[in-house]
Amino acid sequence: MPEHLHGDHANESFAKLDLYGEAFGADRYVDCSFVDADLTEASASGTVFEQCDFSGTKLNAASLHAVAFLRCRFRGASLFAATLRDCKLTGSVFERTVLRPLTIEGGDWSYVALRRADLVAVDLAGVRLTEADLTDADVSRASLRDCDLTRARLDKAVLRETDLRGAQLEGVALADLQLDRTVIDLDQAVLFATARGAVVRAG
């Protein structure tokens, strides 16, 4: 990895750099630009990116472990075939971003903006999505099993054959969700029925 990329950086530009296959360690980047950079097959562990711009960045097949993307912007970026393990993406914004296929193992995606995102068949099981914005997102055949979706926005989201079992749905506008072969558990069935005005009684 080029020496000038190590350590702490603030308000620096790494735009359009060819960083193919580079390895990032416990470095920190604040208000930095990676616009149109090529990070294909890059690896990172313990790296912190805060308020960085990844617009147009290629992160295809990147391997990211315990990486923090805090309030970062991914506009027109590509994470095709990337792997994110225990990553924190709090407050980051994804616009017209390629997000599949994508491997996600745990992590905190609270307050993330994923409006109109294509997440078809993506496995998000166990991810924290507290107050995430999934408005108009397509999560068909995706797994949201055991996710924390507390106060998440799912307005007009496509939930066709989506697995919601075990997900925390407190504060979600359940009455507005369109269920199309969506997989839910018994406790959630009661919540959805109640949200639609049904009176649930045993026996």
N, C-alpha and C. Protein backbone atom coordinates (compact mmCIF):
# COMPACT_ATOMS: atom_id res chain seq x y z
N MET A 1 0.85 -1.19 0.00
CA MET A 1 0.00 0.00 0.00
C MET A 1 0.88 1.24 0.00
N PRO A 2 0.60 2.25 -0.83
CA PRO A 2 1.42 3.46 -0.85
C PRO A 2 1.54 4.07 0.54
N GLU A 3 2.73 4.48 0.93
CA GLU A 3 3.00 4.94 2.28
C GLU A 3 2.10 6.12 2.66
N HIS A 4 1.78 6.97 1.69
CA HIS A 4 1.01 8.17 2.01
C HIS A 4 -0.44 7.85 2.38
N LEU A 5 -0.85 6.59 2.25
CA LEU A 5 -2.21 6.22 2.60
C LEU A 5 -2.32 5.71 4.03
N HIS A 6 -1.20 5.51 4.71
CA HIS A 6 -1.23 5.02 6.08
C HIS A 6 -1.55 6.15 7.05
N GLY A 7 -2.01 5.79 8.25
CA GLY A 7 -2.19 6.77 9.32
C GLY A 7 -3.53 7.49 9.27
N ASP A 8 -3.57 8.66 9.88
CA ASP A 8 -4.79 9.45 9.95
C ASP A 8 -4.79 10.53 8.86
N HIS A 9 -5.96 10.72 8.25
CA HIS A 9 -6.08 11.68 7.17
C HIS A 9 -7.36 12.48 7.33
N ALA A 10 -7.31 13.76 7.03
CA ALA A 10 -8.49 14.61 7.09
C ALA A 10 -8.49 15.55 5.91
N ASN A 11 -9.66 15.68 5.27
CA ASN A 11 -9.84 16.61 4.15
C ASN A 11 -8.83 16.39 3.03
N GLU A 12 -8.56 15.13 2.73
CA GLU A 12 -7.63 14.80 1.64
C GLU A 12 -8.38 14.11 0.51
N SER A 13 -7.81 14.19 -0.69
CA SER A 13 -8.43 13.56 -1.84
C SER A 13 -7.61 12.37 -2.32
N PHE A 14 -8.31 11.25 -2.48
CA PHE A 14 -7.73 10.04 -3.07
C PHE A 14 -8.55 9.67 -4.31
N ALA A 15 -9.17 10.70 -4.87
CA ALA A 15 -10.06 10.50 -6.01
C ALA A 15 -9.31 9.94 -7.21
N LYS A 16 -9.96 9.01 -7.88
CA LYS A 16 -9.48 8.42 -9.13
C LYS A 16 -8.19 7.63 -9.00
N LEU A 17 -7.77 7.33 -7.76
CA LEU A 17 -6.55 6.53 -7.59
C LEU A 17 -6.82 5.06 -7.92
N ASP A 18 -5.81 4.40 -8.45
CA ASP A 18 -5.89 2.96 -8.69
C ASP A 18 -5.37 2.26 -7.43
N LEU A 19 -6.30 1.78 -6.62
CA LEU A 19 -5.96 1.11 -5.36
C LEU A 19 -6.37 -0.35 -5.41
N TYR A 20 -6.30 -0.91 -6.58
CA TYR A 20 -6.71 -2.30 -6.80
C TYR A 20 -5.93 -3.24 -5.88
N GLY A 21 -6.65 -4.00 -5.08
CA GLY A 21 -6.03 -5.01 -4.23
C GLY A 21 -5.27 -4.47 -3.03
N GLU A 22 -5.39 -3.18 -2.73
CA GLU A 22 -4.66 -2.61 -1.61
C GLU A 22 -5.22 -3.10 -0.27
N ALA A 23 -4.37 -3.10 0.75
CA ALA A 23 -4.77 -3.56 2.08
C ALA A 23 -4.76 -2.38 3.05
N PHE A 24 -5.91 -2.09 3.65
CA PHE A 24 -6.03 -1.02 4.62
C PHE A 24 -6.05 -1.62 6.03
N GLY A 25 -5.36 -0.96 6.94
CA GLY A 25 -5.34 -1.43 8.32
C GLY A 25 -6.10 -0.47 9.22
N ALA A 26 -5.58 -0.25 10.42
CA ALA A 26 -6.25 0.60 11.40
C ALA A 26 -5.97 2.07 11.12
N ASP A 27 -6.33 2.49 9.92
CA ASP A 27 -6.14 3.87 9.50
C ASP A 27 -7.46 4.62 9.65
N ARG A 28 -7.42 5.94 9.66
CA ARG A 28 -8.62 6.75 9.82
C ARG A 28 -8.66 7.85 8.77
N TYR A 29 -9.82 7.99 8.14
CA TYR A 29 -10.01 8.99 7.09
C TYR A 29 -11.25 9.80 7.44
N VAL A 30 -11.10 11.11 7.55
CA VAL A 30 -12.21 11.99 7.89
C VAL A 30 -12.39 13.03 6.80
N ASP A 31 -13.62 13.13 6.27
CA ASP A 31 -13.93 14.11 5.21
C ASP A 31 -12.99 13.96 4.01
N CYS A 32 -12.68 12.73 3.66
CA CYS A 32 -11.81 12.46 2.52
C CYS A 32 -12.63 12.03 1.30
N SER A 33 -12.05 12.25 0.12
CA SER A 33 -12.73 11.88 -1.12
C SER A 33 -12.05 10.68 -1.76
N PHE A 34 -12.88 9.66 -2.05
CA PHE A 34 -12.43 8.50 -2.81
C PHE A 34 -13.25 8.41 -4.11
N VAL A 35 -13.71 9.55 -4.58
CA VAL A 35 -14.57 9.61 -5.76
C VAL A 35 -13.87 8.95 -6.96
N ASP A 36 -14.58 8.01 -7.58
CA ASP A 36 -14.10 7.31 -8.79
C ASP A 36 -12.79 6.55 -8.58
N ALA A 37 -12.44 6.25 -7.33
CA ALA A 37 -11.24 5.44 -7.08
C ALA A 37 -11.57 3.97 -7.36
N ASP A 38 -10.52 3.19 -7.68
CA ASP A 38 -10.70 1.76 -7.93
C ASP A 38 -10.16 0.98 -6.74
N LEU A 39 -11.08 0.45 -5.93
CA LEU A 39 -10.71 -0.35 -4.76
C LEU A 39 -11.12 -1.80 -4.95
N THR A 40 -11.17 -2.22 -6.20
CA THR A 40 -11.52 -3.60 -6.52
C THR A 40 -10.58 -4.57 -5.82
N GLU A 41 -11.16 -5.57 -5.17
CA GLU A 41 -10.41 -6.61 -4.45
C GLU A 41 -9.53 -6.05 -3.34
N ALA A 42 -9.84 -4.83 -2.88
CA ALA A 42 -9.12 -4.28 -1.73
C ALA A 42 -9.57 -5.00 -0.46
N SER A 43 -8.74 -4.95 0.56
CA SER A 43 -9.11 -5.52 1.86
C SER A 43 -8.91 -4.45 2.92
N ALA A 44 -9.74 -4.51 3.96
CA ALA A 44 -9.62 -3.54 5.05
C ALA A 44 -10.05 -4.20 6.35
N SER A 45 -9.33 -3.91 7.42
CA SER A 45 -9.66 -4.45 8.73
C SER A 45 -9.46 -3.37 9.78
N GLY A 46 -10.53 -3.00 10.46
CA GLY A 46 -10.43 -1.99 11.51
C GLY A 46 -10.28 -0.57 11.01
N THR A 47 -10.48 -0.34 9.73
CA THR A 47 -10.34 0.99 9.15
C THR A 47 -11.58 1.83 9.44
N VAL A 48 -11.38 3.14 9.67
CA VAL A 48 -12.50 4.05 9.91
C VAL A 48 -12.55 5.10 8.81
N PHE A 49 -13.71 5.20 8.17
CA PHE A 49 -13.97 6.24 7.18
C PHE A 49 -15.13 7.07 7.71
N GLU A 50 -14.89 8.34 7.98
CA GLU A 50 -15.94 9.19 8.54
C GLU A 50 -16.24 10.35 7.60
N GLN A 51 -17.51 10.43 7.18
CA GLN A 51 -17.97 11.47 6.27
C GLN A 51 -17.14 11.52 4.99
N CYS A 52 -16.81 10.36 4.48
CA CYS A 52 -16.04 10.27 3.24
C CYS A 52 -16.97 10.07 2.04
N ASP A 53 -16.51 10.49 0.88
CA ASP A 53 -17.30 10.40 -0.34
C ASP A 53 -16.75 9.27 -1.21
N PHE A 54 -17.59 8.24 -1.41
CA PHE A 54 -17.23 7.10 -2.24
C PHE A 54 -18.05 7.09 -3.54
N SER A 55 -18.48 8.24 -4.00
CA SER A 55 -19.27 8.32 -5.23
C SER A 55 -18.47 7.77 -6.40
N GLY A 56 -19.09 6.85 -7.12
CA GLY A 56 -18.43 6.28 -8.30
C GLY A 56 -17.29 5.32 -7.99
N THR A 57 -17.08 5.02 -6.72
CA THR A 57 -15.97 4.16 -6.32
C THR A 57 -16.28 2.69 -6.62
N LYS A 58 -15.27 1.96 -7.09
CA LYS A 58 -15.41 0.53 -7.33
C LYS A 58 -14.87 -0.22 -6.10
N LEU A 59 -15.78 -0.93 -5.42
CA LEU A 59 -15.40 -1.76 -4.28
C LEU A 59 -15.74 -3.21 -4.59
N ASN A 60 -15.69 -3.54 -5.86
CA ASN A 60 -16.06 -4.89 -6.30
C ASN A 60 -15.12 -5.94 -5.69
N ALA A 61 -15.72 -6.99 -5.14
CA ALA A 61 -14.97 -8.10 -4.55
C ALA A 61 -14.07 -7.66 -3.40
N ALA A 62 -14.35 -6.51 -2.81
CA ALA A 62 -13.58 -6.06 -1.66
C ALA A 62 -13.92 -6.91 -0.44
N SER A 63 -12.95 -7.08 0.44
CA SER A 63 -13.14 -7.85 1.67
C SER A 63 -12.97 -6.90 2.86
N LEU A 64 -14.08 -6.62 3.56
CA LEU A 64 -14.07 -5.61 4.61
C LEU A 64 -14.46 -6.23 5.95
N HIS A 65 -13.59 -6.10 6.94
CA HIS A 65 -13.86 -6.69 8.25
C HIS A 65 -13.75 -5.62 9.33
N ALA A 66 -14.82 -5.47 10.13
CA ALA A 66 -14.85 -4.50 11.22
C ALA A 66 -14.47 -3.10 10.75
N VAL A 67 -14.91 -2.76 9.55
CA VAL A 67 -14.66 -1.44 8.98
C VAL A 67 -15.83 -0.53 9.33
N ALA A 68 -15.55 0.73 9.66
CA ALA A 68 -16.60 1.69 9.97
C ALA A 68 -16.71 2.71 8.84
N PHE A 69 -17.88 2.79 8.23
CA PHE A 69 -18.19 3.83 7.25
C PHE A 69 -19.24 4.72 7.93
N LEU A 70 -18.81 5.79 8.56
CA LEU A 70 -19.71 6.63 9.35
C LEU A 70 -20.15 7.84 8.54
N ARG A 71 -21.44 7.89 8.24
CA ARG A 71 -22.03 9.00 7.49
C ARG A 71 -21.31 9.23 6.17
N CYS A 72 -20.99 8.14 5.50
CA CYS A 72 -20.33 8.22 4.20
C CYS A 72 -21.36 8.23 3.07
N ARG A 73 -20.93 8.63 1.88
CA ARG A 73 -21.83 8.68 0.73
C ARG A 73 -21.34 7.73 -0.35
N PHE A 74 -22.27 6.88 -0.81
CA PHE A 74 -21.98 5.93 -1.89
C PHE A 74 -22.96 6.22 -3.03
N ARG A 75 -22.62 7.13 -3.88
CA ARG A 75 -23.51 7.49 -5.00
C ARG A 75 -22.92 6.93 -6.29
N GLY A 76 -23.67 6.01 -6.92
CA GLY A 76 -23.18 5.41 -8.15
C GLY A 76 -21.97 4.52 -7.92
N ALA A 77 -21.79 4.06 -6.69
CA ALA A 77 -20.67 3.17 -6.37
C ALA A 77 -21.05 1.73 -6.68
N SER A 78 -20.06 0.83 -6.63
CA SER A 78 -20.33 -0.58 -6.89
C SER A 78 -19.65 -1.44 -5.84
N LEU A 79 -20.47 -2.27 -5.16
CA LEU A 79 -19.96 -3.24 -4.20
C LEU A 79 -20.25 -4.65 -4.68
N PHE A 80 -20.20 -4.85 -5.97
CA PHE A 80 -20.49 -6.15 -6.58
C PHE A 80 -19.57 -7.22 -5.98
N ALA A 81 -20.18 -8.26 -5.42
CA ALA A 81 -19.46 -9.41 -4.85
C ALA A 81 -18.55 -9.04 -3.69
N ALA A 82 -18.81 -7.92 -3.04
CA ALA A 82 -18.03 -7.53 -1.86
C ALA A 82 -18.49 -8.33 -0.64
N THR A 83 -17.62 -8.40 0.37
CA THR A 83 -17.93 -9.07 1.63
C THR A 83 -17.75 -8.09 2.77
N LEU A 84 -18.79 -7.93 3.60
CA LEU A 84 -18.73 -7.04 4.75
C LEU A 84 -19.02 -7.86 6.01
N ARG A 85 -18.02 -7.98 6.87
CA ARG A 85 -18.16 -8.73 8.11
C ARG A 85 -18.07 -7.79 9.30
N ASP A 86 -19.14 -7.74 10.09
CA ASP A 86 -19.17 -6.92 11.30
C ASP A 86 -18.79 -5.47 11.03
N CYS A 87 -19.28 -4.93 9.93
CA CYS A 87 -18.98 -3.55 9.58
C CYS A 87 -20.04 -2.60 10.13
N LYS A 88 -19.67 -1.37 10.34
CA LYS A 88 -20.57 -0.35 10.85
C LYS A 88 -20.76 0.72 9.78
N LEU A 89 -22.00 0.91 9.35
CA LEU A 89 -22.28 1.86 8.27
C LEU A 89 -23.25 2.96 8.73
N THR A 90 -23.22 3.28 9.99
CA THR A 90 -24.18 4.21 10.58
C THR A 90 -24.29 5.51 9.81
N GLY A 91 -25.53 5.82 9.40
CA GLY A 91 -25.80 7.10 8.75
C GLY A 91 -25.30 7.24 7.33
N SER A 92 -24.80 6.18 6.72
CA SER A 92 -24.30 6.28 5.35
C SER A 92 -25.46 6.29 4.35
N VAL A 93 -25.21 6.88 3.19
CA VAL A 93 -26.24 7.05 2.17
C VAL A 93 -25.83 6.31 0.91
N PHE A 94 -26.73 5.44 0.41
CA PHE A 94 -26.50 4.70 -0.81
C PHE A 94 -27.48 5.18 -1.88
N GLU A 95 -26.95 5.67 -3.00
CA GLU A 95 -27.78 6.12 -4.10
C GLU A 95 -27.30 5.45 -5.38
N ARG A 96 -28.20 4.75 -6.04
CA ARG A 96 -27.87 4.08 -7.30
C ARG A 96 -26.58 3.25 -7.16
N THR A 97 -26.49 2.55 -6.05
CA THR A 97 -25.31 1.74 -5.75
C THR A 97 -25.56 0.28 -6.08
N VAL A 98 -24.59 -0.38 -6.70
CA VAL A 98 -24.69 -1.81 -6.98
C VAL A 98 -24.41 -2.56 -5.68
N LEU A 99 -25.43 -3.26 -5.17
CA LEU A 99 -25.34 -3.92 -3.86
C LEU A 99 -25.58 -5.41 -3.93
N ARG A 100 -25.51 -5.98 -5.12
CA ARG A 100 -25.66 -7.43 -5.20
C ARG A 100 -24.95 -7.97 -6.41
N PRO A 101 -24.46 -9.20 -6.29
CA PRO A 101 -24.46 -10.01 -5.05
C PRO A 101 -23.58 -9.38 -3.98
N LEU A 102 -23.95 -9.59 -2.74
CA LEU A 102 -23.24 -9.00 -1.62
C LEU A 102 -23.30 -9.96 -0.44
N THR A 103 -22.16 -10.15 0.23
CA THR A 103 -22.13 -11.00 1.42
C THR A 103 -22.02 -10.13 2.65
N ILE A 104 -23.01 -10.25 3.55
CA ILE A 104 -23.03 -9.44 4.76
C ILE A 104 -23.13 -10.37 5.95
N GLU A 105 -22.22 -10.21 6.89
CA GLU A 105 -22.23 -11.02 8.10
C GLU A 105 -22.25 -10.09 9.31
N GLY A 106 -23.45 -9.89 9.88
CA GLY A 106 -23.58 -9.03 11.04
C GLY A 106 -23.32 -7.58 10.70
N GLY A 107 -23.19 -6.79 11.74
CA GLY A 107 -22.88 -5.38 11.54
C GLY A 107 -24.00 -4.45 11.93
N ASP A 108 -23.68 -3.17 11.95
CA ASP A 108 -24.63 -2.13 12.34
C ASP A 108 -24.86 -1.18 11.17
N TRP A 109 -26.07 -1.26 10.61
CA TRP A 109 -26.46 -0.41 9.48
C TRP A 109 -27.54 0.57 9.92
N SER A 110 -27.50 0.99 11.17
CA SER A 110 -28.51 1.92 11.69
C SER A 110 -28.46 3.25 10.94
N TYR A 111 -29.65 3.82 10.71
CA TYR A 111 -29.80 5.13 10.08
C TYR A 111 -29.27 5.18 8.65
N VAL A 112 -29.04 4.03 8.05
CA VAL A 112 -28.56 4.00 6.67
C VAL A 112 -29.70 4.33 5.71
N ALA A 113 -29.40 5.10 4.67
CA ALA A 113 -30.38 5.43 3.63
C ALA A 113 -30.21 4.48 2.46
N LEU A 114 -31.21 3.65 2.24
CA LEU A 114 -31.19 2.67 1.15
C LEU A 114 -32.45 2.82 0.29
N ARG A 115 -32.86 4.05 0.08
CA ARG A 115 -34.05 4.31 -0.72
C ARG A 115 -33.88 3.78 -2.14
N ARG A 116 -34.88 3.04 -2.59
CA ARG A 116 -34.91 2.48 -3.95
C ARG A 116 -33.76 1.50 -4.21
N ALA A 117 -33.14 0.99 -3.17
CA ALA A 117 -32.01 0.06 -3.34
C ALA A 117 -32.49 -1.29 -3.86
N ASP A 118 -31.67 -1.90 -4.70
CA ASP A 118 -31.92 -3.24 -5.20
C ASP A 118 -31.20 -4.22 -4.30
N LEU A 119 -31.96 -4.86 -3.41
CA LEU A 119 -31.41 -5.82 -2.45
C LEU A 119 -32.03 -7.20 -2.64
N VAL A 120 -32.43 -7.48 -3.87
CA VAL A 120 -33.07 -8.76 -4.18
C VAL A 120 -32.14 -9.92 -3.80
N ALA A 121 -32.66 -10.82 -2.98
CA ALA A 121 -31.97 -12.04 -2.57
C ALA A 121 -30.71 -11.80 -1.72
N VAL A 122 -30.53 -10.60 -1.20
CA VAL A 122 -29.39 -10.32 -0.34
C VAL A 122 -29.69 -10.82 1.08
N ASP A 123 -28.75 -11.47 1.71
CA ASP A 123 -28.92 -12.00 3.06
C ASP A 123 -28.44 -10.96 4.07
N LEU A 124 -29.41 -10.31 4.73
CA LEU A 124 -29.11 -9.30 5.74
C LEU A 124 -29.41 -9.82 7.15
N ALA A 125 -29.53 -11.12 7.29
CA ALA A 125 -29.92 -11.72 8.57
C ALA A 125 -29.03 -11.24 9.71
N GLY A 126 -29.68 -10.81 10.80
CA GLY A 126 -28.96 -10.42 12.00
C GLY A 126 -28.36 -9.04 11.98
N VAL A 127 -28.53 -8.29 10.88
CA VAL A 127 -27.96 -6.95 10.79
C VAL A 127 -28.83 -5.96 11.56
N ARG A 128 -28.21 -5.01 12.22
CA ARG A 128 -28.96 -3.96 12.91
C ARG A 128 -29.32 -2.88 11.90
N LEU A 129 -30.62 -2.67 11.70
CA LEU A 129 -31.13 -1.70 10.73
C LEU A 129 -32.06 -0.69 11.40
N THR A 130 -31.73 -0.34 12.63
CA THR A 130 -32.54 0.60 13.39
C THR A 130 -32.68 1.93 12.63
N GLU A 131 -33.94 2.35 12.40
CA GLU A 131 -34.26 3.60 11.72
C GLU A 131 -33.63 3.71 10.33
N ALA A 132 -33.36 2.58 9.71
CA ALA A 132 -32.86 2.60 8.33
C ALA A 132 -34.00 3.01 7.40
N ASP A 133 -33.65 3.68 6.31
CA ASP A 133 -34.64 4.11 5.33
C ASP A 133 -34.60 3.17 4.13
N LEU A 134 -35.59 2.28 4.06
CA LEU A 134 -35.71 1.32 2.97
C LEU A 134 -36.90 1.66 2.08
N THR A 135 -37.26 2.93 2.03
CA THR A 135 -38.38 3.37 1.20
C THR A 135 -38.18 2.97 -0.26
N ASP A 136 -39.18 2.31 -0.84
CA ASP A 136 -39.15 1.90 -2.25
C ASP A 136 -38.06 0.87 -2.55
N ALA A 137 -37.40 0.33 -1.54
CA ALA A 137 -36.36 -0.67 -1.78
C ALA A 137 -36.98 -2.00 -2.20
N ASP A 138 -36.25 -2.74 -3.02
CA ASP A 138 -36.70 -4.07 -3.43
C ASP A 138 -35.91 -5.10 -2.63
N VAL A 139 -36.58 -5.70 -1.65
CA VAL A 139 -35.93 -6.73 -0.82
C VAL A 139 -36.60 -8.09 -1.07
N SER A 140 -37.08 -8.28 -2.29
CA SER A 140 -37.68 -9.57 -2.66
C SER A 140 -36.69 -10.70 -2.44
N ARG A 141 -37.18 -11.78 -1.86
CA ARG A 141 -36.40 -13.00 -1.62
C ARG A 141 -35.17 -12.75 -0.75
N ALA A 142 -35.10 -11.58 -0.14
CA ALA A 142 -34.00 -11.27 0.77
C ALA A 142 -34.31 -11.83 2.15
N SER A 143 -33.28 -11.95 2.97
CA SER A 143 -33.48 -12.38 4.35
C SER A 143 -33.24 -11.20 5.28
N LEU A 144 -34.29 -10.86 6.02
CA LEU A 144 -34.19 -9.86 7.09
C LEU A 144 -34.41 -10.56 8.43
N ARG A 145 -34.12 -11.84 8.44
CA ARG A 145 -34.37 -12.66 9.63
C ARG A 145 -33.52 -12.17 10.81
N ASP A 146 -34.18 -11.99 11.94
CA ASP A 146 -33.52 -11.57 13.19
C ASP A 146 -32.88 -10.20 13.09
N CYS A 147 -33.27 -9.39 12.11
CA CYS A 147 -32.76 -8.03 12.02
C CYS A 147 -33.44 -7.14 13.05
N ASP A 148 -32.76 -6.09 13.47
CA ASP A 148 -33.38 -5.07 14.30
C ASP A 148 -33.86 -3.96 13.36
N LEU A 149 -35.16 -3.99 13.06
CA LEU A 149 -35.76 -3.01 12.16
C LEU A 149 -36.56 -1.96 12.93
N THR A 150 -36.21 -1.75 14.18
CA THR A 150 -36.94 -0.79 15.01
C THR A 150 -37.01 0.58 14.33
N ARG A 151 -38.22 1.07 14.15
CA ARG A 151 -38.51 2.37 13.54
C ARG A 151 -37.93 2.52 12.14
N ALA A 152 -37.67 1.41 11.48
CA ALA A 152 -37.20 1.48 10.09
C ALA A 152 -38.35 1.92 9.18
N ARG A 153 -38.00 2.58 8.07
CA ARG A 153 -39.00 3.01 7.10
C ARG A 153 -39.03 2.00 5.96
N LEU A 154 -40.19 1.40 5.75
CA LEU A 154 -40.36 0.41 4.70
C LEU A 154 -41.48 0.81 3.74
N ASP A 155 -41.73 2.11 3.63
CA ASP A 155 -42.79 2.61 2.77
C ASP A 155 -42.59 2.13 1.33
N LYS A 156 -43.59 1.46 0.80
CA LYS A 156 -43.58 0.99 -0.59
C LYS A 156 -42.44 0.02 -0.88
N ALA A 157 -41.83 -0.53 0.14
CA ALA A 157 -40.78 -1.53 -0.08
C ALA A 157 -41.41 -2.81 -0.63
N VAL A 158 -40.70 -3.49 -1.52
CA VAL A 158 -41.18 -4.74 -2.10
C VAL A 158 -40.70 -5.88 -1.21
N LEU A 159 -41.66 -6.57 -0.58
CA LEU A 159 -41.33 -7.62 0.38
C LEU A 159 -41.74 -8.99 -0.14
N ARG A 160 -41.72 -9.18 -1.44
CA ARG A 160 -42.15 -10.44 -2.03
C ARG A 160 -41.21 -11.58 -1.62
N GLU A 161 -41.77 -12.56 -0.91
CA GLU A 161 -41.03 -13.73 -0.46
C GLU A 161 -39.86 -13.38 0.46
N THR A 162 -39.92 -12.23 1.09
CA THR A 162 -38.88 -11.80 2.02
C THR A 162 -39.06 -12.53 3.36
N ASP A 163 -37.96 -12.93 3.98
CA ASP A 163 -38.01 -13.62 5.26
C ASP A 163 -37.84 -12.60 6.39
N LEU A 164 -38.92 -12.38 7.14
CA LEU A 164 -38.89 -11.42 8.25
C LEU A 164 -38.88 -12.10 9.62
N ARG A 165 -38.81 -13.42 9.65
CA ARG A 165 -38.93 -14.12 10.92
C ARG A 165 -37.89 -13.65 11.96
N GLY A 166 -38.40 -13.37 13.15
CA GLY A 166 -37.52 -12.97 14.24
C GLY A 166 -37.09 -11.52 14.21
N ALA A 167 -37.48 -10.78 13.18
CA ALA A 167 -37.08 -9.38 13.09
C ALA A 167 -37.83 -8.53 14.10
N GLN A 168 -37.15 -7.55 14.67
CA GLN A 168 -37.78 -6.61 15.59
C GLN A 168 -38.45 -5.52 14.76
N LEU A 169 -39.75 -5.34 14.95
CA LEU A 169 -40.52 -4.44 14.09
C LEU A 169 -41.19 -3.31 14.86
N GLU A 170 -40.73 -3.02 16.06
CA GLU A 170 -41.30 -1.94 16.84
C GLU A 170 -41.15 -0.61 16.09
N GLY A 171 -42.26 0.13 16.03
CA GLY A 171 -42.21 1.43 15.39
C GLY A 171 -42.32 1.41 13.88
N VAL A 172 -42.42 0.22 13.28
CA VAL A 172 -42.59 0.10 11.82
C VAL A 172 -44.08 0.24 11.49
N ALA A 173 -44.39 0.96 10.41
CA ALA A 173 -45.80 1.14 10.00
C ALA A 173 -46.30 -0.15 9.36
N LEU A 174 -46.65 -1.13 10.19
CA LEU A 174 -47.00 -2.47 9.68
C LEU A 174 -48.25 -2.46 8.82
N ALA A 175 -49.20 -1.60 9.14
CA ALA A 175 -50.46 -1.58 8.40
C ALA A 175 -50.26 -1.17 6.94
N ASP A 176 -49.15 -0.47 6.67
CA ASP A 176 -48.91 0.02 5.31
C ASP A 176 -48.08 -0.94 4.47
N LEU A 177 -47.56 -2.00 5.08
CA LEU A 177 -46.70 -2.92 4.34
C LEU A 177 -47.54 -3.84 3.45
N GLN A 178 -47.03 -4.05 2.24
CA GLN A 178 -47.69 -4.96 1.31
C GLN A 178 -46.99 -6.31 1.37
N LEU A 179 -47.68 -7.30 1.91
CA LEU A 179 -47.10 -8.63 2.07
C LEU A 179 -47.47 -9.51 0.88
N ASP A 180 -46.46 -10.06 0.24
CA ASP A 180 -46.67 -10.93 -0.92
C ASP A 180 -45.83 -12.18 -0.72
N ARG A 181 -46.44 -13.20 -0.10
CA ARG A 181 -45.74 -14.43 0.25
C ARG A 181 -44.55 -14.15 1.17
N THR A 182 -44.67 -13.05 1.93
CA THR A 182 -43.66 -12.69 2.91
C THR A 182 -43.68 -13.70 4.05
N VAL A 183 -42.53 -14.15 4.48
CA VAL A 183 -42.45 -15.16 5.53
C VAL A 183 -42.34 -14.47 6.89
N ILE A 184 -43.32 -14.72 7.77
CA ILE A 184 -43.31 -14.14 9.10
C ILE A 184 -43.54 -15.24 10.13
N ASP A 185 -43.22 -14.96 11.40
CA ASP A 185 -43.46 -15.95 12.44
C ASP A 185 -44.80 -15.68 13.12
N LEU A 186 -45.19 -16.53 14.06
CA LEU A 186 -46.50 -16.41 14.69
C LEU A 186 -46.67 -15.12 15.48
N ASP A 187 -45.65 -14.72 16.21
CA ASP A 187 -45.74 -13.48 16.96
C ASP A 187 -45.93 -12.29 16.03
N GLN A 188 -45.23 -12.30 14.91
CA GLN A 188 -45.37 -11.21 13.95
C GLN A 188 -46.75 -11.23 13.30
N ALA A 189 -47.30 -12.43 13.10
CA ALA A 189 -48.64 -12.53 12.52
C ALA A 189 -49.66 -11.80 13.38
N VAL A 190 -49.52 -11.91 14.69
CA VAL A 190 -50.40 -11.20 15.61
C VAL A 190 -50.21 -9.69 15.47
N LEU A 191 -48.94 -9.26 15.38
CA LEU A 191 -48.66 -7.83 15.23
C LEU A 191 -49.28 -7.26 13.96
N PHE A 192 -49.12 -7.99 12.84
CA PHE A 192 -49.67 -7.53 11.57
C PHE A 192 -51.20 -7.50 11.62
N ALA A 193 -51.78 -8.52 12.21
CA ALA A 193 -53.25 -8.58 12.29
C ALA A 193 -53.78 -7.42 13.13
N THR A 194 -53.12 -7.17 14.26
CA THR A 194 -53.55 -6.07 15.14
C THR A 194 -53.40 -4.74 14.44
N ALA A 195 -52.30 -4.57 13.69
CA ALA A 195 -52.05 -3.32 12.98
C ALA A 195 -53.13 -3.03 11.94
N ARG A 196 -53.77 -4.11 11.45
CA ARG A 196 -54.81 -3.96 10.45
C ARG A 196 -56.21 -3.95 11.08
N GLY A 197 -56.27 -3.82 12.39
CA GLY A 197 -57.54 -3.66 13.05
C GLY A 197 -58.19 -4.93 13.56
N ALA A 198 -57.52 -6.06 13.41
CA ALA A 198 -58.10 -7.32 13.89
C ALA A 198 -57.99 -7.43 15.40
N VAL A 199 -58.93 -8.17 15.99
CA VAL A 199 -58.87 -8.46 17.41
C VAL A 199 -58.46 -9.93 17.55
N VAL A 200 -57.27 -10.16 18.10
CA VAL A 200 -56.74 -11.51 18.20
C VAL A 200 -57.10 -12.10 19.56
N ARG A 201 -57.80 -13.24 19.54
CA ARG A 201 -58.20 -13.90 20.77
C ARG A 201 -57.82 -15.38 20.70
N ALA A 202 -57.36 -15.89 21.83
CA ALA A 202 -57.03 -17.31 21.89
C ALA A 202 -58.30 -18.12 22.12
N GLY A 203 -58.40 -19.28 21.43
CA GLY A 203 -59.50 -20.17 21.66
C GLY A 203 -60.80 -19.72 20.99
